[in-house]
PDB file of N, CA and C in Angstrom:
ATOM      1  N   UNK A   1     -54.297  92.674 -53.477  1.00  0.00           N
ATOM      2  CA  UNK A   1     -54.678  92.056 -52.210  1.00  0.00           C
ATOM      3  C   UNK A   1     -53.645  92.431 -51.131  1.00  0.00           C
ATOM      4  N   UNK A   2     -54.104  92.569 -49.880  1.00  0.00           N
ATOM      5  CA  UNK A   2     -53.207  92.952 -48.802  1.00  0.00           C
ATOM      6  C   UNK A   2     -52.185  91.864 -48.486  1.00  0.00           C
ATOM      7  N   UNK A   3     -52.499  90.630 -48.700  1.00  0.00           N
ATOM      8  CA  UNK A   3     -51.560  89.528 -48.402  1.00  0.00           C
ATOM      9  C   UNK A   3     -50.323  89.622 -49.280  1.00  0.00           C
ATOM     10  N   UNK A   4     -50.493  89.964 -50.528  1.00  0.00           N
ATOM     11  CA  UNK A   4     -49.365  90.065 -51.447  1.00  0.00           C
ATOM     12  C   UNK A   4     -48.429  91.175 -51.003  1.00  0.00           C
ATOM     13  N   UNK A   5     -48.985  92.278 -50.510  1.00  0.00           N
ATOM     14  CA  UNK A   5     -48.162  93.400 -50.062  1.00  0.00           C
ATOM     15  C   UNK A   5     -47.355  92.993 -48.816  1.00  0.00           C
ATOM     16  N   UNK A   6     -48.016  92.255 -47.923  1.00  0.00           N
ATOM     17  CA  UNK A   6     -47.316  91.804 -46.721  1.00  0.00           C
ATOM     18  C   UNK A   6     -46.186  90.843 -47.070  1.00  0.00           C
ATOM     19  N   UNK A   7     -46.431  89.924 -47.970  1.00  0.00           N
ATOM     20  CA  UNK A   7     -45.402  88.973 -48.392  1.00  0.00           C
ATOM     21  C   UNK A   7     -44.231  89.691 -49.046  1.00  0.00           C
ATOM     22  N   UNK A   8     -44.502  90.705 -49.837  1.00  0.00           N
ATOM     23  CA  UNK A   8     -43.436  91.457 -50.497  1.00  0.00           C
ATOM     24  C   UNK A   8     -42.604  92.203 -49.461  1.00  0.00           C
ATOM     25  N   UNK A   9     -43.261  92.751 -48.423  1.00  0.00           N
ATOM     26  CA  UNK A   9     -42.529  93.477 -47.383  1.00  0.00           C
ATOM     27  C   UNK A   9     -41.643  92.521 -46.583  1.00  0.00           C
ATOM     28  N   UNK A  10     -42.148  91.363 -46.259  1.00  0.00           N
ATOM     29  CA  UNK A  10     -41.370  90.376 -45.511  1.00  0.00           C
ATOM     30  C   UNK A  10     -40.176  89.902 -46.339  1.00  0.00           C
ATOM     31  N   UNK A  11     -40.404  89.650 -47.610  1.00  0.00           N
ATOM     32  CA  UNK A  11     -39.324  89.195 -48.486  1.00  0.00           C
ATOM     33  C   UNK A  11     -38.243  90.272 -48.596  1.00  0.00           C
ATOM     34  N   UNK A  12     -38.647  91.518 -48.682  1.00  0.00           N
ATOM     35  CA  UNK A  12     -37.680  92.613 -48.789  1.00  0.00           C
ATOM     36  C   UNK A  12     -36.868  92.708 -47.493  1.00  0.00           C
ATOM     37  N   UNK A  13     -37.515  92.526 -46.336  1.00  0.00           N
ATOM     38  CA  UNK A  13     -36.817  92.570 -45.057  1.00  0.00           C
ATOM     39  C   UNK A  13     -35.804  91.446 -44.932  1.00  0.00           C
ATOM     40  N   UNK A  14     -36.193  90.278 -45.378  1.00  0.00           N
ATOM     41  CA  UNK A  14     -35.286  89.124 -45.321  1.00  0.00           C
ATOM     42  C   UNK A  14     -34.083  89.367 -46.228  1.00  0.00           C
ATOM     43  N   UNK A  15     -34.317  89.925 -47.401  1.00  0.00           N
ATOM     44  CA  UNK A  15     -33.207  90.204 -48.316  1.00  0.00           C
ATOM     45  C   UNK A  15     -32.259  91.248 -47.732  1.00  0.00           C
ATOM     46  N   UNK A  16     -32.824  92.289 -47.081  1.00  0.00           N
ATOM     47  CA  UNK A  16     -31.971  93.317 -46.474  1.00  0.00           C
ATOM     48  C   UNK A  16     -31.098  92.724 -45.370  1.00  0.00           C
ATOM     49  N   UNK A  17     -31.684  91.871 -44.540  1.00  0.00           N
ATOM     50  CA  UNK A  17     -30.910  91.250 -43.451  1.00  0.00           C
ATOM     51  C   UNK A  17     -29.811  90.350 -44.001  1.00  0.00           C
ATOM     52  N   UNK A  18     -30.128  89.585 -45.032  1.00  0.00           N
ATOM     53  CA  UNK A  18     -29.123  88.701 -45.637  1.00  0.00           C
ATOM     54  C   UNK A  18     -27.990  89.515 -46.242  1.00  0.00           C
ATOM     55  N   UNK A  19     -28.321  90.635 -46.888  1.00  0.00           N
ATOM     56  CA  UNK A  19     -27.294  91.481 -47.492  1.00  0.00           C
ATOM     57  C   UNK A  19     -26.419  92.104 -46.416  1.00  0.00           C
ATOM     58  N   UNK A  20     -27.026  92.529 -45.310  1.00  0.00           N
ATOM     59  CA  UNK A  20     -26.252  93.132 -44.228  1.00  0.00           C
ATOM     60  C   UNK A  20     -25.317  92.102 -43.593  1.00  0.00           C
ATOM     61  N   UNK A  21     -25.788  90.883 -43.404  1.00  0.00           N
ATOM     62  CA  UNK A  21     -24.948  89.829 -42.824  1.00  0.00           C
ATOM     63  C   UNK A  21     -23.793  89.495 -43.754  1.00  0.00           C
ATOM     64  N   UNK A  22     -24.060  89.460 -45.056  1.00  0.00           N
ATOM     65  CA  UNK A  22     -22.999  89.170 -46.020  1.00  0.00           C
ATOM     66  C   UNK A  22     -21.963  90.288 -46.016  1.00  0.00           C
ATOM     67  N   UNK A  23     -22.412  91.522 -45.879  1.00  0.00           N
ATOM     68  CA  UNK A  23     -21.478  92.648 -45.850  1.00  0.00           C
ATOM     69  C   UNK A  23     -20.602  92.582 -44.607  1.00  0.00           C
ATOM     70  N   UNK A  24     -21.173  92.213 -43.475  1.00  0.00           N
ATOM     71  CA  UNK A  24     -20.371  92.104 -42.259  1.00  0.00           C
ATOM     72  C   UNK A  24     -19.319  91.015 -42.404  1.00  0.00           C
ATOM     73  N   UNK A  25     -19.701  89.897 -43.040  1.00  0.00           N
ATOM     74  CA  UNK A  25     -18.745  88.808 -43.212  1.00  0.00           C
ATOM     75  C   UNK A  25     -17.623  89.192 -44.167  1.00  0.00           C
ATOM     76  N   UNK A  26     -17.933  89.878 -45.218  1.00  0.00           N
ATOM     77  CA  UNK A  26     -16.902  90.208 -46.201  1.00  0.00           C
ATOM     78  C   UNK A  26     -16.023  91.355 -45.748  1.00  0.00           C
ATOM     79  N   UNK A  27     -16.535  92.246 -44.911  1.00  0.00           N
ATOM     80  CA  UNK A  27     -15.734  93.373 -44.455  1.00  0.00           C
ATOM     81  C   UNK A  27     -14.774  92.972 -43.339  1.00  0.00           C
ATOM     82  N   UNK A  28     -14.956  91.823 -42.788  1.00  0.00           N
ATOM     83  CA  UNK A  28     -14.059  91.373 -41.734  1.00  0.00           C
ATOM     84  C   UNK A  28     -14.298  92.111 -40.437  1.00  0.00           C
ATOM     85  N   UNK A  29     -15.494  92.481 -40.199  1.00  0.00           N
ATOM     86  CA  UNK A  29     -15.839  93.197 -38.985  1.00  0.00           C
ATOM     87  C   UNK A  29     -15.713  92.294 -37.774  1.00  0.00           C
ATOM     88  N   UNK A  30     -15.923  92.870 -36.585  1.00  0.00           N
ATOM     89  CA  UNK A  30     -15.792  92.071 -35.360  1.00  0.00           C
ATOM     90  C   UNK A  30     -16.832  90.964 -35.299  1.00  0.00           C
ATOM     91  N   UNK A  31     -16.430  89.868 -34.743  1.00  0.00           N
ATOM     92  CA  UNK A  31     -17.363  88.747 -34.612  1.00  0.00           C
ATOM     93  C   UNK A  31     -18.483  89.147 -33.670  1.00  0.00           C
ATOM     94  N   UNK A  32     -19.671  88.818 -34.036  1.00  0.00           N
ATOM     95  CA  UNK A  32     -20.822  89.209 -33.227  1.00  0.00           C
ATOM     96  C   UNK A  32     -21.309  88.042 -32.374  1.00  0.00           C
ATOM     97  N   UNK A  33     -20.378  87.182 -31.984  1.00  0.00           N
ATOM     98  CA  UNK A  33     -20.774  86.043 -31.149  1.00  0.00           C
ATOM     99  C   UNK A  33     -20.514  86.317 -29.671  1.00  0.00           C
ATOM    100  N   UNK A  34     -20.157  87.553 -29.337  1.00  0.00           N
ATOM    101  CA  UNK A  34     -19.955  87.913 -27.936  1.00  0.00           C
ATOM    102  C   UNK A  34     -18.694  87.295 -27.336  1.00  0.00           C
ATOM    103  N   UNK A  35     -17.711  86.921 -28.136  1.00  0.00           N
ATOM    104  CA  UNK A  35     -16.478  86.345 -27.621  1.00  0.00           C
ATOM    105  C   UNK A  35     -16.603  84.873 -27.254  1.00  0.00           C
ATOM    106  N   UNK A  36     -17.587  84.205 -27.795  1.00  0.00           N
ATOM    107  CA  UNK A  36     -17.788  82.788 -27.453  1.00  0.00           C
ATOM    108  C   UNK A  36     -16.632  81.919 -27.925  1.00  0.00           C
ATOM    109  N   UNK A  37     -16.043  82.292 -29.056  1.00  0.00           N
ATOM    110  CA  UNK A  37     -14.938  81.483 -29.564  1.00  0.00           C
ATOM    111  C   UNK A  37     -13.768  81.497 -28.583  1.00  0.00           C
ATOM    112  N   UNK A  38     -13.430  82.658 -28.087  1.00  0.00           N
ATOM    113  CA  UNK A  38     -12.312  82.763 -27.141  1.00  0.00           C
ATOM    114  C   UNK A  38     -12.646  82.038 -25.843  1.00  0.00           C
ATOM    115  N   UNK A  39     -13.872  82.163 -25.367  1.00  0.00           N
ATOM    116  CA  UNK A  39     -14.254  81.473 -24.142  1.00  0.00           C
ATOM    117  C   UNK A  39     -14.280  79.964 -24.350  1.00  0.00           C
ATOM    118  N   UNK A  40     -14.607  79.503 -25.540  1.00  0.00           N
ATOM    119  CA  UNK A  40     -14.599  78.073 -25.831  1.00  0.00           C
ATOM    120  C   UNK A  40     -13.203  77.494 -25.735  1.00  0.00           C
ATOM    121  N   UNK A  41     -12.219  78.270 -26.215  1.00  0.00           N
ATOM    122  CA  UNK A  41     -10.834  77.803 -26.112  1.00  0.00           C
ATOM    123  C   UNK A  41     -10.401  77.741 -24.651  1.00  0.00           C
ATOM    124  N   UNK A  42     -10.768  78.749 -23.888  1.00  0.00           N
ATOM    125  CA  UNK A  42     -10.342  78.792 -22.484  1.00  0.00           C
ATOM    126  C   UNK A  42     -11.070  77.739 -21.665  1.00  0.00           C
ATOM    127  N   UNK A  43     -12.367  77.578 -21.908  1.00  0.00           N
ATOM    128  CA  UNK A  43     -13.143  76.654 -21.068  1.00  0.00           C
ATOM    129  C   UNK A  43     -13.062  75.206 -21.520  1.00  0.00           C
ATOM    130  N   UNK A  44     -12.730  74.980 -22.782  1.00  0.00           N
ATOM    131  CA  UNK A  44     -12.696  73.597 -23.264  1.00  0.00           C
ATOM    132  C   UNK A  44     -11.318  73.165 -23.755  1.00  0.00           C
ATOM    133  N   UNK A  45     -10.691  73.995 -24.557  1.00  0.00           N
ATOM    134  CA  UNK A  45      -9.432  73.608 -25.197  1.00  0.00           C
ATOM    135  C   UNK A  45      -8.276  73.464 -24.231  1.00  0.00           C
ATOM    136  N   UNK A  46      -8.070  74.471 -23.405  1.00  0.00           N
ATOM    137  CA  UNK A  46      -6.932  74.438 -22.474  1.00  0.00           C
ATOM    138  C   UNK A  46      -7.077  73.318 -21.452  1.00  0.00           C
ATOM    139  N   UNK A  47      -8.256  73.104 -20.839  1.00  0.00           N
ATOM    140  CA  UNK A  47      -8.366  71.974 -19.912  1.00  0.00           C
ATOM    141  C   UNK A  47      -8.116  70.619 -20.577  1.00  0.00           C
ATOM    142  N   UNK A  48      -8.551  70.457 -21.812  1.00  0.00           N
ATOM    143  CA  UNK A  48      -8.316  69.180 -22.502  1.00  0.00           C
ATOM    144  C   UNK A  48      -6.821  68.986 -22.747  1.00  0.00           C
ATOM    145  N   UNK A  49      -6.141  70.061 -23.171  1.00  0.00           N
ATOM    146  CA  UNK A  49      -4.697  69.938 -23.402  1.00  0.00           C
ATOM    147  C   UNK A  49      -3.966  69.641 -22.101  1.00  0.00           C
ATOM    148  N   UNK A  50      -4.369  70.310 -21.011  1.00  0.00           N
ATOM    149  CA  UNK A  50      -3.743  70.026 -19.720  1.00  0.00           C
ATOM    150  C   UNK A  50      -3.997  68.588 -19.287  1.00  0.00           C
ATOM    151  N   UNK A  51      -5.189  68.086 -19.526  1.00  0.00           N
ATOM    152  CA  UNK A  51      -5.511  66.704 -19.169  1.00  0.00           C
ATOM    153  C   UNK A  51      -4.638  65.718 -19.948  1.00  0.00           C
ATOM    154  N   UNK A  52      -4.472  65.956 -21.229  1.00  0.00           N
ATOM    155  CA  UNK A  52      -3.668  65.046 -22.061  1.00  0.00           C
ATOM    156  C   UNK A  52      -2.201  65.081 -21.632  1.00  0.00           C
ATOM    157  N   UNK A  53      -1.654  66.279 -21.467  1.00  0.00           N
ATOM    158  CA  UNK A  53      -0.241  66.392 -21.097  1.00  0.00           C
ATOM    159  C   UNK A  53      -0.019  65.860 -19.682  1.00  0.00           C
ATOM    160  N   UNK A  54      -0.897  66.242 -18.747  1.00  0.00           N
ATOM    161  CA  UNK A  54      -0.759  65.767 -17.366  1.00  0.00           C
ATOM    162  C   UNK A  54      -0.906  64.264 -17.268  1.00  0.00           C
ATOM    163  N   UNK A  55      -1.852  63.692 -18.010  1.00  0.00           N
ATOM    164  CA  UNK A  55      -2.021  62.242 -18.002  1.00  0.00           C
ATOM    165  C   UNK A  55      -0.800  61.522 -18.538  1.00  0.00           C
ATOM    166  N   UNK A  56      -0.210  62.084 -19.556  1.00  0.00           N
ATOM    167  CA  UNK A  56       0.997  61.480 -20.122  1.00  0.00           C
ATOM    168  C   UNK A  56       2.140  61.491 -19.109  1.00  0.00           C
ATOM    169  N   UNK A  57       2.305  62.610 -18.418  1.00  0.00           N
ATOM    170  CA  UNK A  57       3.388  62.711 -17.433  1.00  0.00           C
ATOM    171  C   UNK A  57       3.154  61.738 -16.282  1.00  0.00           C
ATOM    172  N   UNK A  58       1.925  61.697 -15.776  1.00  0.00           N
ATOM    173  CA  UNK A  58       1.616  60.808 -14.648  1.00  0.00           C
ATOM    174  C   UNK A  58       1.795  59.345 -15.042  1.00  0.00           C
ATOM    175  N   UNK A  59       1.323  58.978 -16.221  1.00  0.00           N
ATOM    176  CA  UNK A  59       1.481  57.588 -16.665  1.00  0.00           C
ATOM    177  C   UNK A  59       2.949  57.212 -16.850  1.00  0.00           C
ATOM    178  N   UNK A  60       3.743  58.123 -17.391  1.00  0.00           N
ATOM    179  CA  UNK A  60       5.164  57.792 -17.584  1.00  0.00           C
ATOM    180  C   UNK A  60       5.861  57.612 -16.238  1.00  0.00           C
ATOM    181  N   UNK A  61       5.543  58.468 -15.261  1.00  0.00           N
ATOM    182  CA  UNK A  61       6.140  58.303 -13.932  1.00  0.00           C
ATOM    183  C   UNK A  61       5.702  56.986 -13.291  1.00  0.00           C
ATOM    184  N   UNK A  62       4.426  56.663 -13.413  1.00  0.00           N
ATOM    185  CA  UNK A  62       3.896  55.428 -12.843  1.00  0.00           C
ATOM    186  C   UNK A  62       4.554  54.207 -13.463  1.00  0.00           C
ATOM    187  N   UNK A  63       4.681  54.202 -14.788  1.00  0.00           N
ATOM    188  CA  UNK A  63       5.284  53.046 -15.462  1.00  0.00           C
ATOM    189  C   UNK A  63       6.775  52.937 -15.159  1.00  0.00           C
ATOM    190  N   UNK A  64       7.466  54.073 -15.052  1.00  0.00           N
ATOM    191  CA  UNK A  64       8.887  54.030 -14.687  1.00  0.00           C
ATOM    192  C   UNK A  64       9.072  53.421 -13.302  1.00  0.00           C
ATOM    193  N   UNK A  65       8.184  53.771 -12.371  1.00  0.00           N
ATOM    194  CA  UNK A  65       8.261  53.218 -11.016  1.00  0.00           C
ATOM    195  C   UNK A  65       8.016  51.717 -11.040  1.00  0.00           C
ATOM    196  N   UNK A  66       7.019  51.293 -11.808  1.00  0.00           N
ATOM    197  CA  UNK A  66       6.723  49.857 -11.895  1.00  0.00           C
ATOM    198  C   UNK A  66       7.906  49.086 -12.467  1.00  0.00           C
ATOM    199  N   UNK A  67       8.515  49.621 -13.500  1.00  0.00           N
ATOM    200  CA  UNK A  67       9.662  48.944 -14.121  1.00  0.00           C
ATOM    201  C   UNK A  67      10.821  48.858 -13.134  1.00  0.00           C
ATOM    202  N   UNK A  68      11.061  49.918 -12.379  1.00  0.00           N
ATOM    203  CA  UNK A  68      12.150  49.907 -11.402  1.00  0.00           C
ATOM    204  C   UNK A  68      11.903  48.863 -10.313  1.00  0.00           C
ATOM    205  N   UNK A  69      10.663  48.751  -9.847  1.00  0.00           N
ATOM    206  CA  UNK A  69      10.332  47.761  -8.817  1.00  0.00           C
ATOM    207  C   UNK A  69      10.531  46.350  -9.359  1.00  0.00           C
ATOM    208  N   UNK A  70      10.081  46.098 -10.584  1.00  0.00           N
ATOM    209  CA  UNK A  70      10.257  44.767 -11.178  1.00  0.00           C
ATOM    210  C   UNK A  70      11.729  44.433 -11.356  1.00  0.00           C
ATOM    211  N   UNK A  71      12.529  45.426 -11.737  1.00  0.00           N
ATOM    212  CA  UNK A  71      13.972  45.196 -11.882  1.00  0.00           C
ATOM    213  C   UNK A  71      14.609  44.818 -10.550  1.00  0.00           C
ATOM    214  N   UNK A  72      14.199  45.489  -9.480  1.00  0.00           N
ATOM    215  CA  UNK A  72      14.744  45.159  -8.159  1.00  0.00           C
ATOM    216  C   UNK A  72      14.355  43.749  -7.744  1.00  0.00           C
ATOM    217  N   UNK A  73      13.134  43.344  -8.034  1.00  0.00           N
ATOM    218  CA  UNK A  73      12.691  41.986  -7.685  1.00  0.00           C
ATOM    219  C   UNK A  73      13.521  40.960  -8.444  1.00  0.00           C
ATOM    220  N   UNK A  74      13.744  41.208  -9.720  1.00  0.00           N
ATOM    221  CA  UNK A  74      14.536  40.272 -10.525  1.00  0.00           C
ATOM    222  C   UNK A  74      15.967  40.210 -10.021  1.00  0.00           C
ATOM    223  N   UNK A  75      16.534  41.337  -9.634  1.00  0.00           N
ATOM    224  CA  UNK A  75      17.902  41.345  -9.105  1.00  0.00           C
ATOM    225  C   UNK A  75      17.999  40.517  -7.828  1.00  0.00           C
ATOM    226  N   UNK A  76      17.000  40.647  -6.962  1.00  0.00           N
ATOM    227  CA  UNK A  76      17.022  39.882  -5.715  1.00  0.00           C
ATOM    228  C   UNK A  76      16.950  38.393  -5.995  1.00  0.00           C
ATOM    229  N   UNK A  77      16.152  38.020  -6.980  1.00  0.00           N
ATOM    230  CA  UNK A  77      16.005  36.594  -7.289  1.00  0.00           C
ATOM    231  C   UNK A  77      17.246  36.033  -7.963  1.00  0.00           C
ATOM    232  N   UNK A  78      17.909  36.811  -8.751  1.00  0.00           N
ATOM    233  CA  UNK A  78      19.066  36.285  -9.482  1.00  0.00           C
ATOM    234  C   UNK A  78      20.334  36.332  -8.656  1.00  0.00           C
ATOM    235  N   UNK A  79      20.340  37.064  -7.552  1.00  0.00           N
ATOM    236  CA  UNK A  79      21.545  37.132  -6.733  1.00  0.00           C
ATOM    237  C   UNK A  79      21.806  35.810  -6.013  1.00  0.00           C
ATOM    238  N   UNK A  80      20.746  35.069  -5.709  1.00  0.00           N
ATOM    239  CA  UNK A  80      20.906  33.800  -5.001  1.00  0.00           C
ATOM    240  C   UNK A  80      21.348  32.734  -6.008  1.00  0.00           C
ATOM    241  N   UNK A  81      22.360  31.993  -5.649  1.00  0.00           N
ATOM    242  CA  UNK A  81      22.867  30.952  -6.525  1.00  0.00           C
ATOM    243  C   UNK A  81      21.915  29.748  -6.459  1.00  0.00           C
ATOM    244  N   UNK A  82      21.607  29.212  -7.602  1.00  0.00           N
ATOM    245  CA  UNK A  82      20.681  28.094  -7.678  1.00  0.00           C
ATOM    246  C   UNK A  82      21.474  26.799  -7.814  1.00  0.00           C
ATOM    247  N   UNK A  83      21.158  25.870  -6.922  1.00  0.00           N
ATOM    248  CA  UNK A  83      21.818  24.567  -6.961  1.00  0.00           C
ATOM    249  C   UNK A  83      20.722  23.513  -6.985  1.00  0.00           C
ATOM    250  N   UNK A  84      20.719  22.695  -8.025  1.00  0.00           N
ATOM    251  CA  UNK A  84      19.653  21.711  -8.208  1.00  0.00           C
ATOM    252  C   UNK A  84      19.662  20.660  -7.098  1.00  0.00           C
ATOM    253  N   UNK A  85      20.807  20.205  -6.691  1.00  0.00           N
ATOM    254  CA  UNK A  85      20.874  19.186  -5.638  1.00  0.00           C
ATOM    255  C   UNK A  85      20.389  19.734  -4.304  1.00  0.00           C
ATOM    256  N   UNK A  86      20.722  20.991  -4.022  1.00  0.00           N
ATOM    257  CA  UNK A  86      20.271  21.609  -2.775  1.00  0.00           C
ATOM    258  C   UNK A  86      18.745  21.750  -2.775  1.00  0.00           C
ATOM    259  N   UNK A  87      18.188  22.142  -3.895  1.00  0.00           N
ATOM    260  CA  UNK A  87      16.728  22.276  -3.985  1.00  0.00           C
ATOM    261  C   UNK A  87      16.058  20.906  -3.851  1.00  0.00           C
ATOM    262  N   UNK A  88      16.679  19.868  -4.404  1.00  0.00           N
ATOM    263  CA  UNK A  88      16.132  18.522  -4.295  1.00  0.00           C
ATOM    264  C   UNK A  88      16.134  18.060  -2.834  1.00  0.00           C
ATOM    265  N   UNK A  89      17.204  18.335  -2.113  1.00  0.00           N
ATOM    266  CA  UNK A  89      17.274  17.955  -0.697  1.00  0.00           C
ATOM    267  C   UNK A  89      16.212  18.677   0.122  1.00  0.00           C
ATOM    268  N   UNK A  90      16.008  19.971  -0.143  1.00  0.00           N
ATOM    269  CA  UNK A  90      14.975  20.723   0.569  1.00  0.00           C
ATOM    270  C   UNK A  90      13.588  20.133   0.311  1.00  0.00           C
ATOM    271  N   UNK A  91      13.333  19.791  -0.935  1.00  0.00           N
ATOM    272  CA  UNK A  91      12.034  19.225  -1.293  1.00  0.00           C
ATOM    273  C   UNK A  91      11.835  17.862  -0.649  1.00  0.00           C
ATOM    274  N   UNK A  92      12.859  17.025  -0.658  1.00  0.00           N
ATOM    275  CA  UNK A  92      12.741  15.693  -0.059  1.00  0.00           C
ATOM    276  C   UNK A  92      12.586  15.787   1.458  1.00  0.00           C
ATOM    277  N   UNK A  93      13.184  16.792   2.066  1.00  0.00           N
ATOM    278  CA  UNK A  93      13.057  16.980   3.501  1.00  0.00           C
ATOM    279  C   UNK A  93      11.621  17.378   3.861  1.00  0.00           C
ATOM    280  N   UNK A  94      11.017  18.193   3.016  1.00  0.00           N
ATOM    281  CA  UNK A  94       9.646  18.629   3.305  1.00  0.00           C
ATOM    282  C   UNK A  94       8.635  17.508   3.037  1.00  0.00           C
ATOM    283  N   UNK A  95       8.980  16.591   2.121  1.00  0.00           N
ATOM    284  CA  UNK A  95       8.104  15.456   1.852  1.00  0.00           C
ATOM    285  C   UNK A  95       8.559  14.268   2.699  1.00  0.00           C
ATOM    286  N   UNK A  96       7.615  13.607   3.295  1.00  0.00           N
ATOM    287  CA  UNK A  96       7.945  12.420   4.079  1.00  0.00           C
ATOM    288  C   UNK A  96       7.536  11.209   3.247  1.00  0.00           C
ATOM    289  N   UNK A  97       8.497  10.667   2.500  1.00  0.00           N
ATOM    290  CA  UNK A  97       8.149   9.566   1.604  1.00  0.00           C
ATOM    291  C   UNK A  97       8.151   8.211   2.309  1.00  0.00           C
ATOM    292  N   UNK A  98       8.635   8.142   3.541  1.00  0.00           N
ATOM    293  CA  UNK A  98       8.667   6.884   4.278  1.00  0.00           C
ATOM    294  C   UNK A  98       7.310   6.566   4.917  1.00  0.00           C
ATOM    295  N   UNK A  99       6.604   7.609   5.318  1.00  0.00           N
ATOM    296  CA  UNK A  99       5.360   7.390   6.048  1.00  0.00           C
ATOM    297  C   UNK A  99       4.203   7.998   5.260  1.00  0.00           C
ATOM    298  N   UNK A 100       3.732   7.237   4.291  1.00  0.00           N
ATOM    299  CA  UNK A 100       2.581   7.698   3.535  1.00  0.00           C
ATOM    300  C   UNK A 100       1.630   6.535   3.337  1.00  0.00           C
ATOM    301  N   UNK A 101       0.404   6.861   3.001  1.00  0.00           N
ATOM    302  CA  UNK A 101      -0.606   5.835   2.844  1.00  0.00           C
ATOM    303  C   UNK A 101      -1.380   6.122   1.574  1.00  0.00           C
ATOM    304  N   UNK A 102      -1.518   5.128   0.716  1.00  0.00           N
ATOM    305  CA  UNK A 102      -2.311   5.287  -0.487  1.00  0.00           C
ATOM    306  C   UNK A 102      -3.787   5.214  -0.103  1.00  0.00           C
ATOM    307  N   UNK A 103      -4.557   6.104  -0.590  1.00  0.00           N
ATOM    308  CA  UNK A 103      -5.997   6.063  -0.320  1.00  0.00           C
ATOM    309  C   UNK A 103      -6.743   6.384  -1.612  1.00  0.00           C
ATOM    310  N   UNK A 104      -7.840   5.690  -1.778  1.00  0.00           N
ATOM    311  CA  UNK A 104      -8.641   5.867  -2.978  1.00  0.00           C
ATOM    312  C   UNK A 104      -9.561   7.068  -2.781  1.00  0.00           C
ATOM    313  N   UNK A 105      -9.624   7.901  -3.806  1.00  0.00           N
ATOM    314  CA  UNK A 105     -10.524   9.059  -3.766  1.00  0.00           C
ATOM    315  C   UNK A 105     -11.868   8.596  -4.316  1.00  0.00           C
ATOM    316  N   UNK A 106     -12.942   8.771  -3.569  1.00  0.00           N
ATOM    317  CA  UNK A 106     -14.238   8.307  -4.050  1.00  0.00           C
ATOM    318  C   UNK A 106     -14.709   9.111  -5.265  1.00  0.00           C
ATOM    319  N   UNK A 107     -15.389   8.403  -6.174  1.00  0.00           N
ATOM    320  CA  UNK A 107     -15.928   9.056  -7.350  1.00  0.00           C
ATOM    321  C   UNK A 107     -17.193   9.818  -6.989  1.00  0.00           C
ATOM    322  N   UNK A 108     -17.579  10.747  -7.788  1.00  0.00           N
ATOM    323  CA  UNK A 108     -18.842  11.461  -7.505  1.00  0.00           C
ATOM    324  C   UNK A 108     -20.012  10.486  -7.543  1.00  0.00           C
ATOM    325  N   UNK A 109     -20.851  10.582  -6.579  1.00  0.00           N
ATOM    326  CA  UNK A 109     -21.995   9.672  -6.483  1.00  0.00           C
ATOM    327  C   UNK A 109     -21.705   8.469  -5.617  1.00  0.00           C
ATOM    328  N   UNK A 110     -20.452   8.218  -5.268  1.00  0.00           N
ATOM    329  CA  UNK A 110     -20.074   7.113  -4.406  1.00  0.00           C
ATOM    330  C   UNK A 110     -19.937   7.609  -2.979  1.00  0.00           C
ATOM    331  N   UNK A 111     -20.101   6.705  -2.050  1.00  0.00           N
ATOM    332  CA  UNK A 111     -19.867   7.084  -0.653  1.00  0.00           C
ATOM    333  C   UNK A 111     -18.678   6.384  -0.119  1.00  0.00           C
TER     334      UNK A 111
END
């Protein structure tokens, strides 16, 4: 039958192609991917590495600046001598305890 002959020819062609591909792989011939591997490294690998390294540098500079600013704030606060009696006098001066009036706060629903 003609179908059997066609199937045998197709099978033989497939076997020849598989054998040729195996020979190319074992002989270590040039990659037939058109240089896609090298372009993948250039277009994907190097930008990712630059992003990681650059991000690390930028974050370290940013955090160092933040720490320095916080240190300066703490230094300014600790340079002033704290006196409890002086703070009490300032607070009592701002509060007028002689002239105050007690007033009831209405509950919700009350007028």
